[in-house]
PDB file of N, CA and C in Angstrom:
ATOM      1  N   UNK A   1       8.246 -15.792   1.434  1.00  0.00           N
ATOM      2  CA  UNK A   1       7.712 -14.600   2.068  1.00  0.00           C
ATOM      3  C   UNK A   1       8.836 -13.593   2.254  1.00  0.00           C
ATOM      4  N   UNK A   2       8.514 -12.351   2.037  1.00  0.00           N
ATOM      5  CA  UNK A   2       9.484 -11.270   2.155  1.00  0.00           C
ATOM      6  C   UNK A   2       9.744 -10.945   3.621  1.00  0.00           C
ATOM      7  N   UNK A   3      11.000 -10.690   3.951  1.00  0.00           N
ATOM      8  CA  UNK A   3      11.343 -10.261   5.302  1.00  0.00           C
ATOM      9  C   UNK A   3      10.930  -8.804   5.461  1.00  0.00           C
ATOM     10  N   UNK A   4      10.124  -8.483   6.474  1.00  0.00           N
ATOM     11  CA  UNK A   4       9.663  -7.103   6.651  1.00  0.00           C
ATOM     12  C   UNK A   4      10.800  -6.140   6.971  1.00  0.00           C
ATOM     13  N   UNK A   5      10.702  -4.951   6.408  1.00  0.00           N
ATOM     14  CA  UNK A   5      11.612  -3.843   6.688  1.00  0.00           C
ATOM     15  C   UNK A   5      11.313  -3.349   8.104  1.00  0.00           C
ATOM     16  N   UNK A   6      12.333  -3.001   8.857  1.00  0.00           N
ATOM     17  CA  UNK A   6      12.120  -2.531  10.231  1.00  0.00           C
ATOM     18  C   UNK A   6      12.431  -1.052  10.396  1.00  0.00           C
ATOM     19  N   UNK A   7      12.720  -0.359   9.303  1.00  0.00           N
ATOM     20  CA  UNK A   7      13.024   1.074   9.389  1.00  0.00           C
ATOM     21  C   UNK A   7      11.763   1.852   9.758  1.00  0.00           C
ATOM     22  N   UNK A   8      11.921   2.960  10.485  1.00  0.00           N
ATOM     23  CA  UNK A   8      10.743   3.782  10.789  1.00  0.00           C
ATOM     24  C   UNK A   8      10.222   4.469   9.533  1.00  0.00           C
ATOM     25  N   UNK A   9       8.934   4.669   9.485  1.00  0.00           N
ATOM     26  CA  UNK A   9       8.328   5.342   8.345  1.00  0.00           C
ATOM     27  C   UNK A   9       6.876   4.962   8.211  1.00  0.00           C
ATOM     28  N   UNK A  10       6.275   5.417   7.128  1.00  0.00           N
ATOM     29  CA  UNK A  10       4.891   5.108   6.809  1.00  0.00           C
ATOM     30  C   UNK A  10       4.911   4.092   5.677  1.00  0.00           C
ATOM     31  N   UNK A  11       4.260   2.948   5.897  1.00  0.00           N
ATOM     32  CA  UNK A  11       4.267   1.865   4.916  1.00  0.00           C
ATOM     33  C   UNK A  11       2.925   1.792   4.192  1.00  0.00           C
ATOM     34  N   UNK A  12       2.993   1.475   2.906  1.00  0.00           N
ATOM     35  CA  UNK A  12       1.812   1.447   2.046  1.00  0.00           C
ATOM     36  C   UNK A  12       1.816   0.215   1.158  1.00  0.00           C
ATOM     37  N   UNK A  13       0.625  -0.202   0.734  1.00  0.00           N
ATOM     38  CA  UNK A  13       0.486  -1.085  -0.416  1.00  0.00           C
ATOM     39  C   UNK A  13       0.550  -0.150  -1.618  1.00  0.00           C
ATOM     40  N   UNK A  14       1.381  -0.480  -2.574  1.00  0.00           N
ATOM     41  CA  UNK A  14       1.571   0.391  -3.729  1.00  0.00           C
ATOM     42  C   UNK A  14       1.301  -0.357  -5.029  1.00  0.00           C
ATOM     43  N   UNK A  15       0.995   0.416  -6.060  1.00  0.00           N
ATOM     44  CA  UNK A  15       0.784  -0.141  -7.399  1.00  0.00           C
ATOM     45  C   UNK A  15       1.551   0.708  -8.398  1.00  0.00           C
ATOM     46  N   UNK A  16       2.145   0.041  -9.379  1.00  0.00           N
ATOM     47  CA  UNK A  16       2.914   0.723 -10.416  1.00  0.00           C
ATOM     48  C   UNK A  16       2.341   0.323 -11.774  1.00  0.00           C
ATOM     49  N   UNK A  17       2.081   1.329 -12.598  1.00  0.00           N
ATOM     50  CA  UNK A  17       1.586   1.122 -13.956  1.00  0.00           C
ATOM     51  C   UNK A  17       2.486   1.934 -14.881  1.00  0.00           C
ATOM     52  N   UNK A  18       3.471   1.262 -15.477  1.00  0.00           N
ATOM     53  CA  UNK A  18       4.424   1.977 -16.321  1.00  0.00           C
ATOM     54  C   UNK A  18       5.248   2.937 -15.481  1.00  0.00           C
ATOM     55  N   UNK A  19       5.153   4.240 -15.804  1.00  0.00           N
ATOM     56  CA  UNK A  19       5.903   5.239 -15.043  1.00  0.00           C
ATOM     57  C   UNK A  19       5.035   5.945 -13.999  1.00  0.00           C
ATOM     58  N   UNK A  20       3.841   5.420 -13.749  1.00  0.00           N
ATOM     59  CA  UNK A  20       2.941   5.987 -12.738  1.00  0.00           C
ATOM     60  C   UNK A  20       2.888   5.060 -11.534  1.00  0.00           C
ATOM     61  N   UNK A  21       2.828   5.668 -10.341  1.00  0.00           N
ATOM     62  CA  UNK A  21       2.674   4.847  -9.152  1.00  0.00           C
ATOM     63  C   UNK A  21       1.600   5.456  -8.268  1.00  0.00           C
ATOM     64  N   UNK A  22       1.043   4.636  -7.390  1.00  0.00           N
ATOM     65  CA  UNK A  22       0.009   5.119  -6.469  1.00  0.00           C
ATOM     66  C   UNK A  22       0.151   4.416  -5.134  1.00  0.00           C
ATOM     67  N   UNK A  23      -0.108   5.174  -4.081  1.00  0.00           N
ATOM     68  CA  UNK A  23      -0.210   4.611  -2.742  1.00  0.00           C
ATOM     69  C   UNK A  23      -1.648   4.145  -2.609  1.00  0.00           C
ATOM     70  N   UNK A  24      -1.862   2.844  -2.597  1.00  0.00           N
ATOM     71  CA  UNK A  24      -3.210   2.297  -2.666  1.00  0.00           C
ATOM     72  C   UNK A  24      -3.855   2.085  -1.302  1.00  0.00           C
ATOM     73  N   UNK A  25      -3.059   1.725  -0.295  1.00  0.00           N
ATOM     74  CA  UNK A  25      -3.618   1.434   1.018  1.00  0.00           C
ATOM     75  C   UNK A  25      -2.592   1.767   2.081  1.00  0.00           C
ATOM     76  N   UNK A  26      -3.014   2.483   3.100  1.00  0.00           N
ATOM     77  CA  UNK A  26      -2.118   2.825   4.191  1.00  0.00           C
ATOM     78  C   UNK A  26      -2.315   4.271   4.608  1.00  0.00           C
ATOM     79  N   UNK A  27      -1.483   4.766   5.463  1.00  0.00           N
ATOM     80  CA  UNK A  27      -0.212   4.198   5.916  1.00  0.00           C
ATOM     81  C   UNK A  27      -0.403   3.199   7.047  1.00  0.00           C
ATOM     82  N   UNK A  28       0.558   2.300   7.122  1.00  0.00           N
ATOM     83  CA  UNK A  28       0.618   1.330   8.202  1.00  0.00           C
ATOM     84  C   UNK A  28       1.840   1.640   9.049  1.00  0.00           C
ATOM     85  N   UNK A  29       1.782   1.267  10.312  1.00  0.00           N
ATOM     86  CA  UNK A  29       2.898   1.516  11.226  1.00  0.00           C
ATOM     87  C   UNK A  29       4.074   0.598  10.948  1.00  0.00           C
ATOM     88  N   UNK A  30       3.777  -0.591  10.408  1.00  0.00           N
ATOM     89  CA  UNK A  30       4.860  -1.549  10.137  1.00  0.00           C
ATOM     90  C   UNK A  30       4.762  -2.067   8.710  1.00  0.00           C
ATOM     91  N   UNK A  31       5.911  -2.488   8.210  1.00  0.00           N
ATOM     92  CA  UNK A  31       5.975  -3.071   6.878  1.00  0.00           C
ATOM     93  C   UNK A  31       5.205  -4.391   6.840  1.00  0.00           C
ATOM     94  N   UNK A  32       5.268  -5.141   7.933  1.00  0.00           N
ATOM     95  CA  UNK A  32       4.559  -6.416   7.996  1.00  0.00           C
ATOM     96  C   UNK A  32       3.056  -6.233   7.773  1.00  0.00           C
ATOM     97  N   UNK A  33       2.479  -5.189   8.368  1.00  0.00           N
ATOM     98  CA  UNK A  33       1.047  -4.920   8.175  1.00  0.00           C
ATOM     99  C   UNK A  33       0.742  -4.641   6.702  1.00  0.00           C
ATOM    100  N   UNK A  34       1.586  -3.853   6.060  1.00  0.00           N
ATOM    101  CA  UNK A  34       1.383  -3.542   4.640  1.00  0.00           C
ATOM    102  C   UNK A  34       1.509  -4.802   3.791  1.00  0.00           C
ATOM    103  N   UNK A  35       2.523  -5.619   4.074  1.00  0.00           N
ATOM    104  CA  UNK A  35       2.701  -6.863   3.323  1.00  0.00           C
ATOM    105  C   UNK A  35       1.478  -7.759   3.419  1.00  0.00           C
ATOM    106  N   UNK A  36       0.866  -7.805   4.591  1.00  0.00           N
ATOM    107  CA  UNK A  36      -0.301  -8.665   4.791  1.00  0.00           C
ATOM    108  C   UNK A  36      -1.519  -8.206   3.992  1.00  0.00           C
ATOM    109  N   UNK A  37      -1.530  -6.964   3.542  1.00  0.00           N
ATOM    110  CA  UNK A  37      -2.693  -6.422   2.833  1.00  0.00           C
ATOM    111  C   UNK A  37      -2.532  -6.357   1.318  1.00  0.00           C
ATOM    112  N   UNK A  38      -1.365  -6.693   0.792  1.00  0.00           N
ATOM    113  CA  UNK A  38      -1.131  -6.572  -0.654  1.00  0.00           C
ATOM    114  C   UNK A  38      -2.144  -7.389  -1.449  1.00  0.00           C
ATOM    115  N   UNK A  39      -2.303  -8.647  -1.129  1.00  0.00           N
ATOM    116  CA  UNK A  39      -3.188  -9.513  -1.913  1.00  0.00           C
ATOM    117  C   UNK A  39      -4.640  -9.048  -1.840  1.00  0.00           C
ATOM    118  N   UNK A  40      -5.111  -8.682  -0.657  1.00  0.00           N
ATOM    119  CA  UNK A  40      -6.495  -8.213  -0.522  1.00  0.00           C
ATOM    120  C   UNK A  40      -6.723  -6.936  -1.329  1.00  0.00           C
ATOM    121  N   UNK A  41      -5.775  -6.030  -1.266  1.00  0.00           N
ATOM    122  CA  UNK A  41      -5.897  -4.769  -2.005  1.00  0.00           C
ATOM    123  C   UNK A  41      -5.880  -5.034  -3.510  1.00  0.00           C
ATOM    124  N   UNK A  42      -4.965  -5.874  -3.953  1.00  0.00           N
ATOM    125  CA  UNK A  42      -4.871  -6.215  -5.372  1.00  0.00           C
ATOM    126  C   UNK A  42      -6.168  -6.860  -5.855  1.00  0.00           C
ATOM    127  N   UNK A  43      -6.714  -7.789  -5.086  1.00  0.00           N
ATOM    128  CA  UNK A  43      -7.956  -8.458  -5.486  1.00  0.00           C
ATOM    129  C   UNK A  43      -9.119  -7.479  -5.576  1.00  0.00           C
ATOM    130  N   UNK A  44      -9.214  -6.554  -4.645  1.00  0.00           N
ATOM    131  CA  UNK A  44     -10.272  -5.536  -4.677  1.00  0.00           C
ATOM    132  C   UNK A  44     -10.102  -4.647  -5.910  1.00  0.00           C
ATOM    133  N   UNK A  45      -8.871  -4.297  -6.222  1.00  0.00           N
ATOM    134  CA  UNK A  45      -8.619  -3.477  -7.409  1.00  0.00           C
ATOM    135  C   UNK A  45      -9.031  -4.213  -8.675  1.00  0.00           C
ATOM    136  N   UNK A  46      -8.765  -5.522  -8.757  1.00  0.00           N
ATOM    137  CA  UNK A  46      -9.184  -6.316  -9.916  1.00  0.00           C
ATOM    138  C   UNK A  46     -10.696  -6.233 -10.105  1.00  0.00           C
ATOM    139  N   UNK A  47     -11.428  -6.301  -8.989  1.00  0.00           N
ATOM    140  CA  UNK A  47     -12.892  -6.219  -9.062  1.00  0.00           C
ATOM    141  C   UNK A  47     -13.351  -4.876  -9.610  1.00  0.00           C
ATOM    142  N   UNK A  48     -12.621  -3.818  -9.290  1.00  0.00           N
ATOM    143  CA  UNK A  48     -13.012  -2.462  -9.685  1.00  0.00           C
ATOM    144  C   UNK A  48     -12.508  -2.058 -11.068  1.00  0.00           C
ATOM    145  N   UNK A  49     -11.343  -2.555 -11.446  1.00  0.00           N
ATOM    146  CA  UNK A  49     -10.731  -2.152 -12.710  1.00  0.00           C
ATOM    147  C   UNK A  49      -9.896  -3.311 -13.256  1.00  0.00           C
ATOM    148  N   UNK A  50     -10.394  -4.019 -14.264  1.00  0.00           N
ATOM    149  CA  UNK A  50      -9.664  -5.169 -14.798  1.00  0.00           C
ATOM    150  C   UNK A  50      -8.253  -4.828 -15.298  1.00  0.00           C
ATOM    151  N   UNK A  51      -8.011  -3.571 -15.635  1.00  0.00           N
ATOM    152  CA  UNK A  51      -6.668  -3.184 -16.091  1.00  0.00           C
ATOM    153  C   UNK A  51      -5.623  -3.333 -14.986  1.00  0.00           C
ATOM    154  N   UNK A  52      -6.085  -3.318 -13.724  1.00  0.00           N
ATOM    155  CA  UNK A  52      -5.145  -3.410 -12.606  1.00  0.00           C
ATOM    156  C   UNK A  52      -4.439  -4.768 -12.566  1.00  0.00           C
ATOM    157  N   UNK A  53      -4.942  -5.720 -13.322  1.00  0.00           N
ATOM    158  CA  UNK A  53      -4.277  -7.028 -13.423  1.00  0.00           C
ATOM    159  C   UNK A  53      -2.850  -6.874 -13.941  1.00  0.00           C
ATOM    160  N   UNK A  54      -2.601  -5.845 -14.728  1.00  0.00           N
ATOM    161  CA  UNK A  54      -1.294  -5.647 -15.357  1.00  0.00           C
ATOM    162  C   UNK A  54      -0.367  -4.782 -14.515  1.00  0.00           C
ATOM    163  N   UNK A  55      -0.862  -4.220 -13.448  1.00  0.00           N
ATOM    164  CA  UNK A  55      -0.037  -3.363 -12.591  1.00  0.00           C
ATOM    165  C   UNK A  55       0.890  -4.221 -11.738  1.00  0.00           C
ATOM    166  N   UNK A  56       1.981  -3.633 -11.298  1.00  0.00           N
ATOM    167  CA  UNK A  56       2.886  -4.295 -10.364  1.00  0.00           C
ATOM    168  C   UNK A  56       2.465  -3.900  -8.959  1.00  0.00           C
ATOM    169  N   UNK A  57       2.268  -4.882  -8.099  1.00  0.00           N
ATOM    170  CA  UNK A  57       1.795  -4.656  -6.735  1.00  0.00           C
ATOM    171  C   UNK A  57       2.891  -4.978  -5.743  1.00  0.00           C
ATOM    172  N   UNK A  58       2.967  -4.162  -4.693  1.00  0.00           N
ATOM    173  CA  UNK A  58       3.970  -4.388  -3.660  1.00  0.00           C
ATOM    174  C   UNK A  58       3.762  -3.424  -2.514  1.00  0.00           C
ATOM    175  N   UNK A  59       4.861  -3.061  -1.871  1.00  0.00           N
ATOM    176  CA  UNK A  59       4.805  -2.116  -0.761  1.00  0.00           C
ATOM    177  C   UNK A  59       5.880  -1.066  -0.948  1.00  0.00           C
ATOM    178  N   UNK A  60       5.720   0.027  -0.242  1.00  0.00           N
ATOM    179  CA  UNK A  60       6.743   1.063  -0.231  1.00  0.00           C
ATOM    180  C   UNK A  60       6.707   1.769   1.118  1.00  0.00           C
ATOM    181  N   UNK A  61       7.753   2.546   1.378  1.00  0.00           N
ATOM    182  CA  UNK A  61       7.867   3.271   2.636  1.00  0.00           C
ATOM    183  C   UNK A  61       8.172   4.728   2.342  1.00  0.00           C
ATOM    184  N   UNK A  62       7.525   5.611   3.085  1.00  0.00           N
ATOM    185  CA  UNK A  62       7.869   7.027   3.071  1.00  0.00           C
ATOM    186  C   UNK A  62       8.457   7.365   4.428  1.00  0.00           C
ATOM    187  N   UNK A  63       9.504   8.173   4.437  1.00  0.00           N
ATOM    188  CA  UNK A  63      10.093   8.609   5.697  1.00  0.00           C
ATOM    189  C   UNK A  63       9.080   9.377   6.520  1.00  0.00           C
ATOM    190  N   UNK A  64       9.213   9.307   7.825  1.00  0.00           N
ATOM    191  CA  UNK A  64       8.276  10.006   8.696  1.00  0.00           C
ATOM    192  C   UNK A  64       8.887  11.260   9.303  1.00  0.00           C
ATOM    193  N   UNK A  65       9.884  11.829   8.650  1.00  0.00           N
ATOM    194  CA  UNK A  65      10.583  12.997   9.170  1.00  0.00           C
ATOM    195  C   UNK A  65       9.696  14.196   9.456  1.00  0.00           C
ATOM    196  N   UNK A  66       8.657  14.393   8.668  1.00  0.00           N
ATOM    197  CA  UNK A  66       7.792  15.556   8.870  1.00  0.00           C
ATOM    198  C   UNK A  66       6.621  15.244   9.784  1.00  0.00           C
ATOM    199  N   UNK A  67       6.355  13.977  10.011  1.00  0.00           N
ATOM    200  CA  UNK A  67       5.195  13.587  10.818  1.00  0.00           C
ATOM    201  C   UNK A  67       3.895  13.619  10.033  1.00  0.00           C
ATOM    202  N   UNK A  68       3.952  14.037   8.765  1.00  0.00           N
ATOM    203  CA  UNK A  68       2.768  14.086   7.911  1.00  0.00           C
ATOM    204  C   UNK A  68       2.763  12.869   6.998  1.00  0.00           C
ATOM    205  N   UNK A  69       1.565  12.413   6.669  1.00  0.00           N
ATOM    206  CA  UNK A  69       1.460  11.254   5.793  1.00  0.00           C
ATOM    207  C   UNK A  69       0.276  11.423   4.862  1.00  0.00           C
ATOM    208  N   UNK A  70       0.318  10.661   3.774  1.00  0.00           N
ATOM    209  CA  UNK A  70      -0.790  10.638   2.814  1.00  0.00           C
ATOM    210  C   UNK A  70      -1.627   9.393   3.059  1.00  0.00           C
ATOM    211  N   UNK A  71      -2.880   9.447   2.658  1.00  0.00           N
ATOM    212  CA  UNK A  71      -3.761   8.292   2.779  1.00  0.00           C
ATOM    213  C   UNK A  71      -3.783   7.516   1.470  1.00  0.00           C
ATOM    214  N   UNK A  72      -3.923   6.196   1.586  1.00  0.00           N
ATOM    215  CA  UNK A  72      -4.021   5.352   0.408  1.00  0.00           C
ATOM    216  C   UNK A  72      -5.323   5.600  -0.336  1.00  0.00           C
ATOM    217  N   UNK A  73      -5.281   5.465  -1.642  1.00  0.00           N
ATOM    218  CA  UNK A  73      -6.456   5.720  -2.490  1.00  0.00           C
ATOM    219  C   UNK A  73      -7.622   4.779  -2.220  1.00  0.00           C
ATOM    220  N   UNK A  74      -7.331   3.590  -1.710  1.00  0.00           N
ATOM    221  CA  UNK A  74      -8.387   2.605  -1.500  1.00  0.00           C
ATOM    222  C   UNK A  74      -8.762   2.453  -0.023  1.00  0.00           C
ATOM    223  N   UNK A  75      -8.274   3.331   0.828  1.00  0.00           N
ATOM    224  CA  UNK A  75      -8.551   3.212   2.270  1.00  0.00           C
ATOM    225  C   UNK A  75     -10.044   3.137   2.566  1.00  0.00           C
ATOM    226  N   UNK A  76     -10.842   3.879   1.825  1.00  0.00           N
ATOM    227  CA  UNK A  76     -12.292   3.903   2.110  1.00  0.00           C
ATOM    228  C   UNK A  76     -12.966   2.562   1.806  1.00  0.00           C
ATOM    229  N   UNK A  77     -12.288   1.648   1.124  1.00  0.00           N
ATOM    230  CA  UNK A  77     -12.859   0.355   0.785  1.00  0.00           C
ATOM    231  C   UNK A  77     -12.520  -0.737   1.798  1.00  0.00           C
ATOM    232  N   UNK A  78     -11.683  -0.397   2.760  1.00  0.00           N
ATOM    233  CA  UNK A  78     -11.249  -1.361   3.774  1.00  0.00           C
ATOM    234  C   UNK A  78     -11.481  -0.768   5.154  1.00  0.00           C
ATOM    235  N   UNK A  79     -11.893  -1.611   6.067  1.00  0.00           N
ATOM    236  CA  UNK A  79     -12.038  -1.176   7.459  1.00  0.00           C
ATOM    237  C   UNK A  79     -10.787  -1.594   8.201  1.00  0.00           C
ATOM    238  N   UNK A  80      -9.774  -0.749   8.084  1.00  0.00           N
ATOM    239  CA  UNK A  80      -8.486  -1.034   8.713  1.00  0.00           C
ATOM    240  C   UNK A  80      -8.073   0.168   9.544  1.00  0.00           C
ATOM    241  N   UNK A  81      -7.256  -0.085  10.511  1.00  0.00           N
ATOM    242  CA  UNK A  81      -6.695   0.983  11.328  1.00  0.00           C
ATOM    243  C   UNK A  81      -5.324   1.307  10.766  1.00  0.00           C
ATOM    244  N   UNK A  82      -5.154   2.550  10.325  1.00  0.00           N
ATOM    245  CA  UNK A  82      -3.855   2.972   9.825  1.00  0.00           C
ATOM    246  C   UNK A  82      -3.256   3.948  10.827  1.00  0.00           C
ATOM    247  N   UNK A  83      -2.039   4.377  10.548  1.00  0.00           N
ATOM    248  CA  UNK A  83      -1.294   5.285  11.422  1.00  0.00           C
ATOM    249  C   UNK A  83      -2.112   6.491  11.831  1.00  0.00           C
TER     250      UNK A  83
END
């Protein structure tokens, strides 16, 4: 299991396909919350698009310096509380 990052910021489940990336789920207040959702998000993506099997799944962090954040592309498919 990965040790969660403790830096402040907005954490997301992310997907990478070649040179394209997407924020799939989030933002979360902690890295641990994002880590806990990677598998569920990946499995849901597999159901929706079989090509997502080839994507690299993980997490990422955006700095919170501006106080603004983006929403994950799959947020509407999960009933989760984000930042």
